[in-house]
Amino acid sequence: MKTIDVCLSPDLIHLHNLKDKNVVIVDILRATSCMVSGLAFGIDHIIPFSNLEGSQAMKAEGYLIAGERGGEKVEGFDLGNSPFDYMDKKVVGKKVATTTTNGTVAIEKSRAALNVIIGAFLNITAVVNYLKQRDESVIVFCAGWKGKVNLEDSLFAGALVERLQNDFANECDSPLLVQAAYQSMKHDLVGFVKNSSHAKRLNRLNVHKDIEYCMKLDVFDLVPILKEGKLVLL
C-alpha cells in the first residue's frame, strides 16, 4: 500500500528517502500560499531560489523578483511574501523569481523527489485528489521556521493526512501526531494559528489579513508542481 510520512522541519529531511516519492511542500505563512495564489491569478511561472543572489540575478532576464527574510520584504525587490502581492494586476502574465526564509529552502532540499508539489489550505482538496490518483507514496514536507517546527504547517500536514487516511498507510508516527493535532484544533484553525509563534512574528509586521487569508480552505482548484526548476500549474 502507498504510504504517507510527514517531515516536520527541513533539518530532518535527510532522514527521509525522497526517491520515487511525491513531496508536498507546505509553508502556510506564507510562501506556498503565495505561490498557489500567484499562479491562480495568472503568473506564468515561478522559479524558487534558496538564496537572495539567485533570485536577484533573474531581474536581468525579465523576471519580477520576490524576496523575504525574517518575514519582511527584501529592500529593492518587486514583491515581498504577501499573497496579496502575488494577486496584483502587475503580475498577470509575468515570470517571478522568489526566495524566502523557509519555503524555498524546503523546495531546494526536495529536488531528489519524483514530484515536488506546492500545498496550502487554499488548494488542499486539489492536492488530495492529485495524490489519490497517483501510485507513489507521499512525504509532506513542512518548511517550519529556521529549522524549527511550527504550528500552521503541521496543521496542514494533519489535515492532509486525515483526508488521505483511507488511501495511504502511515510510514511512522509523525502522521499520527499531526493528525491528532489537527483533529483537536480544526474547529478553530484561525484562532489557534493566530496564537502561533510565526503568526505573532508576522503580527508585529501588521499582516493580519495575510494570516486570515492563508487559512482559507479550497479557494483554488489547482496544483502547482515543479517542472525543470519552474513552478507551473498541472
Foldseek 3Di string as FASTA:
>chain_A
DAAEEEDQEPVCCVVDDQAQAEEEEEDLLPALVLQVLLQVLAQAWEFEDQDPVVQVVCVVVQAQEEEEDLLDTDPPGQHYGFSVSSNDPVRHHGYYYYHYQFRSVQVVVNVNHPWYWYDALQALVLVLVVVLPDPHHYYYYYRDGPGDGWDRSLLSLLVSCVSCVVPHHYPDCSNVVSVVVNVVCVVPVLVVNCPIPVVVSNVVVVPSVRSVVRNDHHNDNWMWIADPSITHTD
